[in-house]
Amino acid sequence: MRGQHRRKNGPAASTLSPADIRAFIIENLRLEPVPGLPEIRLYAAHPGSGLGRLGASGRDDSPPYWAYNWAGGILLAKHVLNHPSIVRGRRVLDLGAGSGIVGIAARKCGASAVIAAEIDANAIAALSLNAEANDVAIEALNADILSGAPAPDVDVILAGDVFYNAELASRVLPFLTSRRQAGVDVLIGDPRRSSLPLTALRLVAEYAVPDFGLGSGGDAAIGGVFALEA
């Protein structure tokens, strides 16, 4: 799922136009239910999708994380769908949105607004298509809000798989901590990757979900939904 906030340089322009990216996704990826979450359908990669032809929209040629189902996003989406009161009537930030699965779940559960923050232009196109396919409205924000861009004014931050390496964790945790100290609720979905700051978190729920992140190949993982302590 993750494509957000890998660099300090901010969003990078894609070599293709937004219309070209959308057309490629529609023509080459499959719109299918998320494993274990039939309520949500996403455009997903498959062996014949030819994502290499789309190209990376980031300066570091990062992989198309948005085209795969990462455990953190599935965990949060499942938890929100099970407990809609977390987001009902509230403004939500989907941080490092990737495919947009978490924001889509939030909107389906009655969030008053969802902002999906991503630095990958390809992911922005994908999450917008995914929102349309699920008949929900999401505001896509192509910005690196960890690098000083103004943080959106929200009530809840949902962050799936944003601690998958130490460098990213060192940027994400201070941002989330500052927002939590400002009164924003923060929930994190993660299958306990090595950089997850467990000492700062409180376990809220556990679920068994498939994980395509970091070469896991879709095997089941017992992951957690965590609240960031104040």
C-alpha atoms as a PDB file:
ATOM      1  CA  MET A   1       0.000   0.000   0.000  1.00  0.00           C
ATOM      2  CA  ARG A   2       2.609   2.548   0.966  1.00  0.00           C
ATOM      3  CA  GLY A   3       4.006   5.140  -1.335  1.00  0.00           C
ATOM      4  CA  GLN A   4       3.808   8.222   0.845  1.00  0.00           C
ATOM      5  CA  HIS A   5       6.557  10.279   2.464  1.00  0.00           C
ATOM      6  CA  ARG A   6       9.689   8.424   1.438  1.00  0.00           C
ATOM      7  CA  ARG A   7      11.660  11.580   0.610  1.00  0.00           C
ATOM      8  CA  LYS A   8      12.211  15.078   1.902  1.00  0.00           C
ATOM      9  CA  ASN A   9      11.898  16.668  -1.529  1.00  0.00           C
ATOM     10  CA  GLY A  10       8.114  16.707  -1.762  1.00  0.00           C
ATOM     11  CA  PRO A  11       5.918  15.340  -4.546  1.00  0.00           C
ATOM     12  CA  ALA A  12       7.479  14.594  -7.910  1.00  0.00           C
ATOM     13  CA  ALA A  13       5.846  15.033 -11.274  1.00  0.00           C
ATOM     14  CA  SER A  14       4.927  11.959 -13.290  1.00  0.00           C
ATOM     15  CA  THR A  15       6.195  11.595 -16.848  1.00  0.00           C
ATOM     16  CA  LEU A  16       2.584  10.924 -17.891  1.00  0.00           C
ATOM     17  CA  SER A  17      -0.414  13.202 -17.630  1.00  0.00           C
ATOM     18  CA  PRO A  18      -3.037  12.427 -14.976  1.00  0.00           C
ATOM     19  CA  ALA A  19      -5.425  11.384 -17.742  1.00  0.00           C
ATOM     20  CA  ASP A  20      -2.834   8.972 -19.173  1.00  0.00           C
ATOM     21  CA  ILE A  21      -2.192   7.462 -15.728  1.00  0.00           C
ATOM     22  CA  ARG A  22      -5.915   6.956 -15.139  1.00  0.00           C
ATOM     23  CA  ALA A  23      -6.351   5.361 -18.552  1.00  0.00           C
ATOM     24  CA  PHE A  24      -3.433   2.995 -17.957  1.00  0.00           C
ATOM     25  CA  ILE A  25      -4.806   1.877 -14.589  1.00  0.00           C
ATOM     26  CA  ILE A  26      -8.285   1.248 -15.987  1.00  0.00           C
ATOM     27  CA  GLU A  27      -6.957  -0.690 -18.977  1.00  0.00           C
ATOM     28  CA  ASN A  28      -4.241  -2.742 -17.265  1.00  0.00           C
ATOM     29  CA  LEU A  29      -5.182  -3.354 -13.633  1.00  0.00           C
ATOM     30  CA  ARG A  30      -8.090  -5.372 -12.305  1.00  0.00           C
ATOM     31  CA  LEU A  31     -10.885  -3.838 -10.256  1.00  0.00           C
ATOM     32  CA  GLU A  32     -11.531  -6.523  -7.650  1.00  0.00           C
ATOM     33  CA  PRO A  33     -12.597  -6.954  -4.009  1.00  0.00           C
ATOM     34  CA  VAL A  34      -9.930  -6.587  -1.336  1.00  0.00           C
ATOM     35  CA  PRO A  35      -9.099  -9.977   0.234  1.00  0.00           C
ATOM     36  CA  GLY A  36     -11.248 -10.299   3.343  1.00  0.00           C
ATOM     37  CA  LEU A  37     -13.032  -6.992   2.673  1.00  0.00           C
ATOM     38  CA  PRO A  38     -15.640  -7.598  -0.051  1.00  0.00           C
ATOM     39  CA  GLU A  39     -17.194  -4.199   0.724  1.00  0.00           C
ATOM     40  CA  ILE A  40     -14.261  -2.469  -0.987  1.00  0.00           C
ATOM     41  CA  ARG A  41     -13.003  -2.901  -4.548  1.00  0.00           C
ATOM     42  CA  LEU A  42      -9.619  -1.610  -5.705  1.00  0.00           C
ATOM     43  CA  TYR A  43      -7.610  -1.546  -8.908  1.00  0.00           C
ATOM     44  CA  ALA A  44      -4.906  -4.140  -8.199  1.00  0.00           C
ATOM     45  CA  ALA A  45      -1.799  -5.338 -10.014  1.00  0.00           C
ATOM     46  CA  HIS A  46      -1.588  -8.807 -11.525  1.00  0.00           C
ATOM     47  CA  PRO A  47       1.148 -10.659 -13.463  1.00  0.00           C
ATOM     48  CA  GLY A  48       0.024  -9.208 -16.779  1.00  0.00           C
ATOM     49  CA  SER A  49      -0.539  -5.616 -15.681  1.00  0.00           C
ATOM     50  CA  GLY A  50       2.807  -4.350 -17.002  1.00  0.00           C
ATOM     51  CA  LEU A  51       3.272  -1.704 -14.345  1.00  0.00           C
ATOM     52  CA  GLY A  52       6.812  -1.093 -15.563  1.00  0.00           C
ATOM     53  CA  ARG A  53       5.298   0.610 -18.611  1.00  0.00           C
ATOM     54  CA  LEU A  54       3.555   3.117 -16.369  1.00  0.00           C
ATOM     55  CA  GLY A  55       6.820   4.223 -14.807  1.00  0.00           C
ATOM     56  CA  ALA A  56       7.441   5.607 -11.349  1.00  0.00           C
ATOM     57  CA  SER A  57       6.289   9.098 -10.510  1.00  0.00           C
ATOM     58  CA  GLY A  58       8.950   9.606  -7.826  1.00  0.00           C
ATOM     59  CA  ARG A  59      12.527  10.728  -8.336  1.00  0.00           C
ATOM     60  CA  ASP A  60      13.784   7.587  -6.613  1.00  0.00           C
ATOM     61  CA  ASP A  61      11.831   5.236  -8.916  1.00  0.00           C
ATOM     62  CA  SER A  62       9.969   3.788  -5.962  1.00  0.00           C
ATOM     63  CA  PRO A  63       7.851   0.662  -6.531  1.00  0.00           C
ATOM     64  CA  PRO A  64       4.090   1.010  -7.153  1.00  0.00           C
ATOM     65  CA  TYR A  65       3.086   0.282  -3.557  1.00  0.00           C
ATOM     66  CA  TRP A  66      -0.397   1.609  -4.298  1.00  0.00           C
ATOM     67  CA  ALA A  67      -1.160  -1.334  -6.612  1.00  0.00           C
ATOM     68  CA  TYR A  68      -0.902  -3.966  -3.869  1.00  0.00           C
ATOM     69  CA  ASN A  69      -2.768  -4.725  -0.648  1.00  0.00           C
ATOM     70  CA  TRP A  70      -0.520  -4.008   2.320  1.00  0.00           C
ATOM     71  CA  ALA A  71      -1.485  -5.349   5.734  1.00  0.00           C
ATOM     72  CA  GLY A  72      -1.535  -1.963   7.468  1.00  0.00           C
ATOM     73  CA  GLY A  73      -4.207  -0.554   5.208  1.00  0.00           C
ATOM     74  CA  ILE A  74      -6.347  -3.679   5.369  1.00  0.00           C
ATOM     75  CA  LEU A  75      -6.063  -3.711   9.161  1.00  0.00           C
ATOM     76  CA  LEU A  76      -7.258  -0.127   9.515  1.00  0.00           C
ATOM     77  CA  ALA A  77     -10.010  -0.494   6.917  1.00  0.00           C
ATOM     78  CA  LYS A  78     -11.316  -3.629   8.647  1.00  0.00           C
ATOM     79  CA  HIS A  79     -11.209  -1.935  12.052  1.00  0.00           C
ATOM     80  CA  VAL A  80     -13.046   1.148  10.819  1.00  0.00           C
ATOM     81  CA  LEU A  81     -15.695  -0.964   9.121  1.00  0.00           C
ATOM     82  CA  ASN A  82     -16.126  -2.917  12.367  1.00  0.00           C
ATOM     83  CA  HIS A  83     -16.257   0.269  14.472  1.00  0.00           C
ATOM     84  CA  PRO A  84     -17.736   3.060  12.313  1.00  0.00           C
ATOM     85  CA  SER A  85     -18.157   5.401  15.278  1.00  0.00           C
ATOM     86  CA  ILE A  86     -14.395   6.048  15.092  1.00  0.00           C
ATOM     87  CA  VAL A  87     -14.940   8.207  12.006  1.00  0.00           C
ATOM     88  CA  ARG A  88     -18.672   8.922  11.750  1.00  0.00           C
ATOM     89  CA  GLY A  89     -19.249  12.640  11.355  1.00  0.00           C
ATOM     90  CA  ARG A  90     -15.531  13.387  11.709  1.00  0.00           C
ATOM     91  CA  ARG A  91     -12.824  14.759   9.403  1.00  0.00           C
ATOM     92  CA  VAL A  92     -10.208  12.143   8.555  1.00  0.00           C
ATOM     93  CA  LEU A  93      -6.670  12.237   7.167  1.00  0.00           C
ATOM     94  CA  ASP A  94      -5.523   9.049   5.421  1.00  0.00           C
ATOM     95  CA  LEU A  95      -1.756   9.456   5.752  1.00  0.00           C
ATOM     96  CA  GLY A  96       0.337   7.769   3.069  1.00  0.00           C
ATOM     97  CA  ALA A  97      -2.889   6.719   1.441  1.00  0.00           C
ATOM     98  CA  GLY A  98      -1.543   4.473  -1.327  1.00  0.00           C
ATOM     99  CA  SER A  99      -4.593   2.814  -2.879  1.00  0.00           C
ATOM    100  CA  GLY A 100      -6.937   4.847  -0.678  1.00  0.00           C
ATOM    101  CA  ILE A 101      -8.391   1.776   1.038  1.00  0.00           C
ATOM    102  CA  VAL A 102      -8.428   3.371   4.506  1.00  0.00           C
ATOM    103  CA  GLY A 103     -10.037   6.602   3.362  1.00  0.00           C
ATOM    104  CA  ILE A 104     -12.622   4.669   1.370  1.00  0.00           C
ATOM    105  CA  ALA A 105     -13.556   2.658   4.464  1.00  0.00           C
ATOM    106  CA  ALA A 106     -13.822   5.868   6.480  1.00  0.00           C
ATOM    107  CA  ARG A 107     -16.152   7.475   3.973  1.00  0.00           C
ATOM    108  CA  LYS A 108     -18.302   4.343   3.794  1.00  0.00           C
ATOM    109  CA  CYS A 109     -18.638   4.583   7.575  1.00  0.00           C
ATOM    110  CA  GLY A 110     -19.858   8.175   7.546  1.00  0.00           C
ATOM    111  CA  ALA A 111     -16.737  10.347   7.844  1.00  0.00           C
ATOM    112  CA  SER A 112     -17.756  13.909   7.047  1.00  0.00           C
ATOM    113  CA  ALA A 113     -14.627  14.398   4.915  1.00  0.00           C
ATOM    114  CA  VAL A 114     -11.531  12.408   4.000  1.00  0.00           C
ATOM    115  CA  ILE A 115      -8.214  13.827   2.824  1.00  0.00           C
ATOM    116  CA  ALA A 116      -5.868  11.239   1.299  1.00  0.00           C
ATOM    117  CA  ALA A 117      -2.259  12.482   1.456  1.00  0.00           C
ATOM    118  CA  GLU A 118       0.229  10.977  -1.003  1.00  0.00           C
ATOM    119  CA  ILE A 119       3.423  12.082  -2.758  1.00  0.00           C
ATOM    120  CA  ASP A 120       3.156   9.554  -5.606  1.00  0.00           C
ATOM    121  CA  ALA A 121       1.231  11.004  -8.558  1.00  0.00           C
ATOM    122  CA  ASN A 122       0.406   7.515  -9.800  1.00  0.00           C
ATOM    123  CA  ALA A 123      -1.106   6.710  -6.421  1.00  0.00           C
ATOM    124  CA  ILE A 124      -3.138   9.913  -6.532  1.00  0.00           C
ATOM    125  CA  ALA A 125      -4.669   8.763  -9.812  1.00  0.00           C
ATOM    126  CA  ALA A 126      -5.262   5.256  -8.465  1.00  0.00           C
ATOM    127  CA  LEU A 127      -6.881   6.324  -5.198  1.00  0.00           C
ATOM    128  CA  SER A 128      -9.147   8.730  -7.051  1.00  0.00           C
ATOM    129  CA  LEU A 129     -10.283   5.912  -9.360  1.00  0.00           C
ATOM    130  CA  ASN A 130     -10.729   3.596  -6.390  1.00  0.00           C
ATOM    131  CA  ALA A 131     -12.882   6.161  -4.609  1.00  0.00           C
ATOM    132  CA  GLU A 132     -15.063   6.516  -7.703  1.00  0.00           C
ATOM    133  CA  ALA A 133     -15.375   2.732  -8.006  1.00  0.00           C
ATOM    134  CA  ASN A 134     -16.631   2.611  -4.411  1.00  0.00           C
ATOM    135  CA  ASP A 135     -19.015   5.566  -4.822  1.00  0.00           C
ATOM    136  CA  VAL A 136     -17.341   7.749  -2.213  1.00  0.00           C
ATOM    137  CA  ALA A 137     -15.777  11.209  -2.327  1.00  0.00           C
ATOM    138  CA  ILE A 138     -12.182  11.660  -1.189  1.00  0.00           C
ATOM    139  CA  GLU A 139      -9.984  14.744  -1.461  1.00  0.00           C
ATOM    140  CA  ALA A 140      -6.584  13.726  -2.849  1.00  0.00           C
ATOM    141  CA  LEU A 141      -3.647  15.771  -1.535  1.00  0.00           C
ATOM    142  CA  ASN A 142      -0.402  15.400  -3.526  1.00  0.00           C
ATOM    143  CA  ALA A 143       1.949  16.808  -0.891  1.00  0.00           C
ATOM    144  CA  ASP A 144       4.568  15.712   1.615  1.00  0.00           C
ATOM    145  CA  ILE A 145       3.026  16.995   4.817  1.00  0.00           C
ATOM    146  CA  LEU A 146       5.942  15.628   6.833  1.00  0.00           C
ATOM    147  CA  SER A 147       8.230  18.249   5.331  1.00  0.00           C
ATOM    148  CA  GLY A 148       6.588  21.374   6.644  1.00  0.00           C
ATOM    149  CA  ALA A 149       3.510  21.646   4.460  1.00  0.00           C
ATOM    150  CA  PRO A 150       0.508  22.710   6.571  1.00  0.00           C
ATOM    151  CA  ALA A 151      -1.174  19.746   8.213  1.00  0.00           C
ATOM    152  CA  PRO A 152      -4.838  19.376   7.235  1.00  0.00           C
ATOM    153  CA  ASP A 153      -7.350  20.342   9.908  1.00  0.00           C
ATOM    154  CA  VAL A 154      -8.840  16.963  10.854  1.00  0.00           C
ATOM    155  CA  ASP A 155     -10.190  15.078  13.858  1.00  0.00           C
ATOM    156  CA  VAL A 156      -8.645  11.685  13.136  1.00  0.00           C
ATOM    157  CA  ILE A 157      -5.472  10.487  11.401  1.00  0.00           C
ATOM    158  CA  LEU A 158      -5.447   6.936  10.035  1.00  0.00           C
ATOM    159  CA  ALA A 159      -1.984   5.704   9.036  1.00  0.00           C
ATOM    160  CA  GLY A 160      -1.449   2.255   7.551  1.00  0.00           C
ATOM    161  CA  ASP A 161       2.056   0.834   7.056  1.00  0.00           C
ATOM    162  CA  VAL A 162       3.921   4.107   7.548  1.00  0.00           C
ATOM    163  CA  PHE A 163       6.698   2.556   9.657  1.00  0.00           C
ATOM    164  CA  TYR A 164       8.158   0.120   7.148  1.00  0.00           C
ATOM    165  CA  ASN A 165      11.731   1.415   7.501  1.00  0.00           C
ATOM    166  CA  ALA A 166      13.734   3.368  10.066  1.00  0.00           C
ATOM    167  CA  GLU A 167      14.198   6.501   7.952  1.00  0.00           C
ATOM    168  CA  LEU A 168      10.495   6.872   7.337  1.00  0.00           C
ATOM    169  CA  ALA A 169       9.697   6.113  10.973  1.00  0.00           C
ATOM    170  CA  SER A 170      12.009   8.920  12.097  1.00  0.00           C
ATOM    171  CA  ARG A 171       9.909  11.380  10.101  1.00  0.00           C
ATOM    172  CA  VAL A 172       6.444   9.989  10.692  1.00  0.00           C
ATOM    173  CA  LEU A 173       6.533   9.638  14.477  1.00  0.00           C
ATOM    174  CA  PRO A 174       7.308  13.324  15.273  1.00  0.00           C
ATOM    175  CA  PHE A 175       4.539  14.433  12.910  1.00  0.00           C
ATOM    176  CA  LEU A 176       1.969  12.075  14.402  1.00  0.00           C
ATOM    177  CA  THR A 177       3.069  12.956  17.936  1.00  0.00           C
ATOM    178  CA  SER A 178       2.624  16.672  17.287  1.00  0.00           C
ATOM    179  CA  ARG A 179      -0.854  16.116  15.881  1.00  0.00           C
ATOM    180  CA  ARG A 180      -1.794  13.878  18.821  1.00  0.00           C
ATOM    181  CA  GLN A 181      -0.636  16.578  21.260  1.00  0.00           C
ATOM    182  CA  ALA A 182      -2.892  18.986  19.350  1.00  0.00           C
ATOM    183  CA  GLY A 183      -5.883  16.779  20.155  1.00  0.00           C
ATOM    184  CA  VAL A 184      -6.106  14.730  16.964  1.00  0.00           C
ATOM    185  CA  ASP A 185      -6.841  11.013  17.412  1.00  0.00           C
ATOM    186  CA  VAL A 186      -4.236   8.794  15.701  1.00  0.00           C
ATOM    187  CA  LEU A 187      -4.716   5.156  14.726  1.00  0.00           C
ATOM    188  CA  ILE A 188      -1.981   3.102  13.068  1.00  0.00           C
ATOM    189  CA  GLY A 189      -2.311  -0.192  11.230  1.00  0.00           C
ATOM    190  CA  ASP A 190       0.811  -2.339  11.082  1.00  0.00           C
ATOM    191  CA  PRO A 191       1.781  -6.048  11.099  1.00  0.00           C
ATOM    192  CA  ARG A 192       4.507  -5.171  13.621  1.00  0.00           C
ATOM    193  CA  ARG A 193       7.281  -4.317  11.205  1.00  0.00           C
ATOM    194  CA  SER A 194      10.670  -3.774  12.808  1.00  0.00           C
ATOM    195  CA  SER A 195      10.484   0.048  12.831  1.00  0.00           C
ATOM    196  CA  LEU A 196       7.091   0.270  14.520  1.00  0.00           C
ATOM    197  CA  PRO A 197       7.544   2.362  17.735  1.00  0.00           C
ATOM    198  CA  LEU A 198       5.653  -0.010  20.016  1.00  0.00           C
ATOM    199  CA  THR A 199       6.634   1.839  23.210  1.00  0.00           C
ATOM    200  CA  ALA A 200       4.652   4.887  22.049  1.00  0.00           C
ATOM    201  CA  LEU A 201       1.565   2.876  21.094  1.00  0.00           C
ATOM    202  CA  ARG A 202      -1.370   1.122  22.703  1.00  0.00           C
ATOM    203  CA  LEU A 203      -2.767  -1.994  21.040  1.00  0.00           C
ATOM    204  CA  VAL A 204      -6.448  -1.560  20.197  1.00  0.00           C
ATOM    205  CA  ALA A 205      -7.239  -4.663  18.123  1.00  0.00           C
ATOM    206  CA  GLU A 206      -5.663  -7.538  16.238  1.00  0.00           C
ATOM    207  CA  TYR A 207      -6.710  -9.155  12.954  1.00  0.00           C
ATOM    208  CA  ALA A 208      -5.333 -11.820  10.634  1.00  0.00           C
ATOM    209  CA  VAL A 209      -4.947 -10.247   7.179  1.00  0.00           C
ATOM    210  CA  PRO A 210      -2.995 -10.932   3.984  1.00  0.00           C
ATOM    211  CA  ASP A 211       0.131  -8.857   3.436  1.00  0.00           C
ATOM    212  CA  PHE A 212       1.853  -8.077   0.155  1.00  0.00           C
ATOM    213  CA  GLY A 213       4.352  -5.674   1.696  1.00  0.00           C
ATOM    214  CA  LEU A 214       8.119  -6.086   1.797  1.00  0.00           C
ATOM    215  CA  GLY A 215       8.167  -9.268  -0.254  1.00  0.00           C
ATOM    216  CA  SER A 216       5.745 -11.235   1.927  1.00  0.00           C
ATOM    217  CA  GLY A 217       3.895 -12.505  -1.164  1.00  0.00           C
ATOM    218  CA  GLY A 218       0.392 -12.282   0.252  1.00  0.00           C
ATOM    219  CA  ASP A 219       0.838 -14.631   3.211  1.00  0.00           C
ATOM    220  CA  ALA A 220      -1.412 -14.124   6.221  1.00  0.00           C
ATOM    221  CA  ALA A 221      -0.108 -11.897   8.992  1.00  0.00           C
ATOM    222  CA  ILE A 222      -1.429 -11.187  12.484  1.00  0.00           C
ATOM    223  CA  GLY A 223      -1.353  -7.437  12.609  1.00  0.00           C
ATOM    224  CA  GLY A 224      -2.464  -4.768  14.998  1.00  0.00           C
ATOM    225  CA  VAL A 225      -4.369  -1.522  15.110  1.00  0.00           C
ATOM    226  CA  PHE A 226      -2.631   0.823  17.535  1.00  0.00           C
ATOM    227  CA  ALA A 227      -3.530   4.143  19.130  1.00  0.00           C
ATOM    228  CA  LEU A 228      -0.765   6.706  19.556  1.00  0.00           C
ATOM    229  CA  GLU A 229      -0.651   7.702  23.203  1.00  0.00           C
ATOM    230  CA  ALA A 230      -1.027  11.363  24.093  1.00  0.00           C
END
